[in-house]
Amino acid sequence: MRRIAAARLAESMRNAPHFYMTAEMDMTAFDAALELARRQAREGGWPRPGPTVFLAHLVARALKSHPMLRASVEGSAYRLHDSIDLAIAVDRDGALITPVLRDAGTKSLPDLSADFARLVAAARARTIKPSELTGGVFTISNLGMFGVDAFTAIINPPQSAILAVGRTQDKPVGRDGQIVLRPVATFTLSSDHRIVDGAAASRFMADLRAAVEAAQV
């Protein structure tokens, strides 16, 4: 599996003209909303959401307005996808796999949390189905839990973009004329310039920032 993944990513770097866009985002509202979601999960009996699945919930909302960011390359053309099927990078015994959250744009956070928990458990038990690892239209790779500040990710073909997320750390920021500490994370979007231009990527990142910095359950 590692060799197959390496070959696909090498193909992506050869064929897809990558460009990158980075933004630091204030995670204050995100962290508060995630803690609220975890309390609701305890009370409601659904799986405890982690930062990655909560972020997937917000990304899916943002992608609704950005069809080119969830398009796939097919030869010299591209294909638009109505369903927002999010691939989430997961480590399994040192190998990277990408289980897919189906219809993430239409599901509630409890449903997404349940789907993600089931997929991760199946992946680590090596019972995940091949069909559950294919068909994603956009990938999220979160390495923040490993202490990574920021990184750029290689697009998972035939997708047109991937979002790389670093750790949250306190940084000084300007607010109302004052310097204050805020929890900040770095988000880096890698896009395929064959079908995504800089303006489209910028608009998506702006909408994602708005969703993250005003996050609600």
Protein backbone atom coordinates (compact mmCIF):
# COMPACT_ATOMS: atom_id res chain seq x y z
CA MET A 1 0.00 0.00 0.00
CA ARG A 2 2.87 2.37 0.79
CA ARG A 3 4.38 1.81 -2.68
CA ILE A 4 1.02 2.41 -4.36
CA ALA A 5 0.48 5.63 -2.41
CA ALA A 6 4.01 6.82 -3.20
CA ALA A 7 3.50 6.15 -6.90
CA ARG A 8 0.20 8.07 -6.93
CA LEU A 9 1.69 11.06 -5.15
CA ALA A 10 4.73 11.09 -7.43
CA GLU A 11 2.32 11.08 -10.38
CA SER A 12 0.46 14.00 -8.81
CA MET A 13 3.64 16.05 -8.48
CA ARG A 14 4.56 15.33 -12.11
CA ASN A 15 1.18 16.03 -13.64
CA ALA A 16 -0.52 18.59 -11.41
CA PRO A 17 0.95 22.12 -11.27
CA HIS A 18 0.62 22.65 -7.53
CA PHE A 19 0.32 26.08 -5.99
CA TYR A 20 0.01 26.86 -2.31
CA MET A 21 -1.90 29.30 -0.15
CA THR A 22 -1.31 29.70 3.59
CA ALA A 23 -3.38 31.44 6.24
CA GLU A 24 -3.14 31.71 10.01
CA MET A 25 -6.53 31.41 11.68
CA ASP A 26 -7.68 32.35 15.17
CA MET A 27 -8.90 29.13 16.81
CA THR A 28 -10.62 30.72 19.83
CA ALA A 29 -14.17 30.12 18.61
CA PHE A 30 -13.22 26.74 17.13
CA ASP A 31 -11.83 25.48 20.45
CA ALA A 32 -14.86 26.73 22.38
CA ALA A 33 -17.30 25.17 19.91
CA LEU A 34 -15.40 21.88 19.97
CA GLU A 35 -15.56 21.76 23.76
CA LEU A 36 -19.31 22.43 23.60
CA ALA A 37 -19.70 19.66 21.01
CA ARG A 38 -17.85 17.26 23.30
CA ARG A 39 -20.21 18.07 26.18
CA GLN A 40 -23.17 17.50 23.88
CA ALA A 41 -21.66 14.19 22.77
CA ARG A 42 -21.33 13.03 26.39
CA GLU A 43 -24.91 14.01 27.13
CA GLY A 44 -26.29 12.67 23.85
CA GLY A 45 -24.33 9.42 23.75
CA TRP A 46 -22.64 9.98 20.39
CA PRO A 47 -18.91 9.64 19.68
CA ARG A 48 -16.67 12.36 21.10
CA PRO A 49 -15.58 14.59 18.19
CA GLY A 50 -11.90 15.41 17.78
CA PRO A 51 -10.50 18.50 16.09
CA THR A 52 -10.19 16.76 12.71
CA VAL A 53 -13.81 15.66 12.40
CA PHE A 54 -15.04 19.03 13.69
CA LEU A 55 -12.87 20.75 11.10
CA ALA A 56 -14.25 18.39 8.44
CA HIS A 57 -17.73 19.56 9.44
CA LEU A 58 -16.73 23.19 8.79
CA VAL A 59 -14.79 22.42 5.61
CA ALA A 60 -17.79 20.58 4.16
CA ARG A 61 -19.95 23.65 4.76
CA ALA A 62 -17.40 25.93 3.11
CA LEU A 63 -17.01 23.64 0.08
CA LYS A 64 -20.70 23.96 -0.79
CA SER A 65 -19.97 27.35 -2.37
CA HIS A 66 -16.77 26.29 -4.14
CA PRO A 67 -17.42 23.61 -6.78
CA MET A 68 -13.96 23.82 -8.37
CA LEU A 69 -12.30 22.92 -5.07
CA ARG A 70 -14.21 19.64 -5.08
CA ALA A 71 -13.75 18.88 -8.79
CA SER A 72 -11.64 16.04 -10.17
CA VAL A 73 -9.34 15.93 -13.16
CA GLU A 74 -10.30 13.53 -15.96
CA GLY A 75 -7.76 13.67 -18.76
CA SER A 76 -7.90 17.10 -20.34
CA ALA A 77 -11.27 17.85 -18.72
CA TYR A 78 -12.64 18.02 -15.20
CA ARG A 79 -15.69 16.65 -13.43
CA LEU A 80 -17.82 18.50 -10.89
CA HIS A 81 -19.22 16.59 -7.92
CA ASP A 82 -22.46 17.37 -6.13
CA SER A 83 -21.72 15.18 -3.11
CA ILE A 84 -19.05 16.43 -0.70
CA ASP A 85 -17.15 13.24 0.10
CA LEU A 86 -14.21 14.22 2.30
CA ALA A 87 -11.06 12.10 2.48
CA ILE A 88 -9.34 12.33 5.87
CA ALA A 89 -5.67 11.38 6.16
CA VAL A 90 -5.21 8.78 8.92
CA ASP A 91 -2.02 7.12 10.13
CA ARG A 92 -2.14 3.32 10.34
CA ASP A 93 1.04 1.68 11.61
CA GLY A 94 3.19 4.30 9.91
CA ALA A 95 1.29 4.17 6.62
CA LEU A 96 -1.07 6.89 5.39
CA ILE A 97 -4.61 5.99 4.35
CA THR A 98 -7.56 8.26 3.55
CA PRO A 99 -10.98 7.00 4.70
CA VAL A 100 -13.82 8.93 3.08
CA LEU A 101 -16.66 10.66 4.92
CA ARG A 102 -19.56 10.34 2.49
CA ASP A 103 -22.02 13.20 1.99
CA ALA A 104 -20.25 15.30 4.61
CA GLY A 105 -22.02 18.40 3.37
CA THR A 106 -25.44 17.08 4.39
CA LYS A 107 -24.65 15.33 7.68
CA SER A 108 -24.82 16.59 11.24
CA LEU A 109 -21.77 16.62 13.48
CA PRO A 110 -23.05 13.60 15.48
CA ASP A 111 -23.43 11.62 12.25
CA LEU A 112 -19.99 12.67 10.98
CA SER A 113 -18.42 11.78 14.33
CA ALA A 114 -20.03 8.34 14.24
CA ASP A 115 -18.91 7.76 10.65
CA PHE A 116 -15.36 8.87 11.38
CA ALA A 117 -15.07 6.75 14.53
CA ARG A 118 -16.28 3.70 12.61
CA LEU A 119 -13.89 4.30 9.70
CA VAL A 120 -10.86 4.84 11.95
CA ALA A 121 -11.65 1.71 13.96
CA ALA A 122 -12.04 -0.31 10.77
CA ALA A 123 -8.82 1.11 9.34
CA ARG A 124 -6.79 0.20 12.41
CA ALA A 125 -8.38 -3.25 12.59
CA ARG A 126 -7.59 -3.68 8.88
CA THR A 127 -11.23 -4.43 8.11
CA ILE A 128 -11.91 -1.23 6.17
CA LYS A 129 -13.31 -1.82 2.69
CA PRO A 130 -11.52 -0.55 -0.45
CA SER A 131 -14.70 1.34 -1.35
CA GLU A 132 -14.35 3.30 1.91
CA LEU A 133 -10.92 4.56 0.84
CA THR A 134 -11.82 5.86 -2.62
CA GLY A 135 -14.02 8.51 -4.18
CA GLY A 136 -13.09 11.48 -2.02
CA VAL A 137 -13.39 14.89 -3.69
CA PHE A 138 -11.22 16.85 -1.22
CA THR A 139 -8.68 15.78 1.40
CA ILE A 140 -7.88 17.09 4.88
CA SER A 141 -4.51 16.25 6.44
CA ASN A 142 -4.14 17.34 10.07
CA LEU A 143 -0.69 16.87 11.63
CA GLY A 144 -1.25 19.27 14.49
CA MET A 145 -1.43 16.44 17.02
CA PHE A 146 2.20 15.60 16.17
CA GLY A 147 3.43 19.11 17.00
CA VAL A 148 3.86 20.16 13.36
CA ASP A 149 3.60 23.94 12.95
CA ALA A 150 2.79 23.98 9.22
CA PHE A 151 3.36 21.90 6.10
CA THR A 152 2.38 21.58 2.45
CA ALA A 153 0.63 18.43 1.26
CA ILE A 154 0.61 16.72 -2.12
CA ILE A 155 -2.76 16.61 -3.87
CA ASN A 156 -4.42 13.19 -3.85
CA PRO A 157 -5.24 12.54 -7.55
CA PRO A 158 -7.65 13.00 -9.23
CA GLN A 159 -8.74 15.60 -6.66
CA SER A 160 -8.05 19.29 -7.22
CA ALA A 161 -7.03 20.32 -3.70
CA ILE A 162 -5.88 19.24 -0.24
CA LEU A 163 -5.89 21.14 3.05
CA ALA A 164 -2.91 20.77 5.43
CA VAL A 165 -3.42 21.79 9.07
CA GLY A 166 -0.73 22.44 11.68
CA ARG A 167 -0.90 22.64 15.45
CA THR A 168 -2.64 25.33 17.45
CA GLN A 169 -0.28 27.53 19.46
CA ASP A 170 -0.61 30.83 21.28
CA LYS A 171 0.60 33.79 19.23
CA PRO A 172 0.47 37.57 19.69
CA VAL A 173 -2.16 39.18 17.47
CA GLY A 174 -3.61 42.66 17.18
CA ARG A 175 -7.16 43.15 18.51
CA ASP A 176 -8.80 46.56 18.93
CA GLY A 177 -5.44 48.31 19.05
CA GLN A 178 -4.03 45.89 21.63
CA ILE A 179 -1.57 43.00 21.37
CA VAL A 180 -3.14 39.86 22.86
CA LEU A 181 -2.39 36.15 22.82
CA ARG A 182 -4.71 33.97 20.78
CA PRO A 183 -4.64 30.28 19.82
CA VAL A 184 -3.62 30.25 16.16
CA ALA A 185 -3.23 27.44 13.63
CA THR A 186 -1.72 27.52 10.14
CA PHE A 187 -3.80 26.19 7.24
CA THR A 188 -2.15 25.52 3.87
CA LEU A 189 -4.20 24.78 0.77
CA SER A 190 -2.52 22.95 -2.13
CA SER A 191 -4.43 23.35 -5.40
CA ASP A 192 -4.13 22.03 -8.95
CA HIS A 193 -3.67 25.06 -11.19
CA ARG A 194 -5.16 23.20 -14.15
CA ILE A 195 -8.65 23.71 -12.73
CA VAL A 196 -8.30 25.95 -9.65
CA ASP A 197 -7.03 29.51 -10.01
CA GLY A 198 -5.72 31.81 -7.33
CA ALA A 199 -8.97 33.73 -6.98
CA ALA A 200 -11.01 30.57 -6.42
CA ALA A 201 -8.54 29.28 -3.83
CA SER A 202 -8.50 32.67 -2.08
CA ARG A 203 -12.28 32.81 -1.85
CA PHE A 204 -12.39 29.32 -0.37
CA MET A 205 -9.76 30.18 2.22
CA ALA A 206 -11.64 33.35 3.14
CA ASP A 207 -14.86 31.39 3.64
CA LEU A 208 -13.03 28.73 5.64
CA ARG A 209 -11.48 31.40 7.86
CA ALA A 210 -14.94 32.88 8.47
CA ALA A 211 -16.28 29.42 9.39
CA VAL A 212 -13.36 28.60 11.70
CA GLU A 213 -13.19 31.98 13.44
CA ALA A 214 -16.96 32.03 14.07
CA ALA A 215 -17.32 28.27 14.60
CA GLN A 216 -20.55 26.96 16.07
CA VAL A 217 -21.79 23.44 16.73
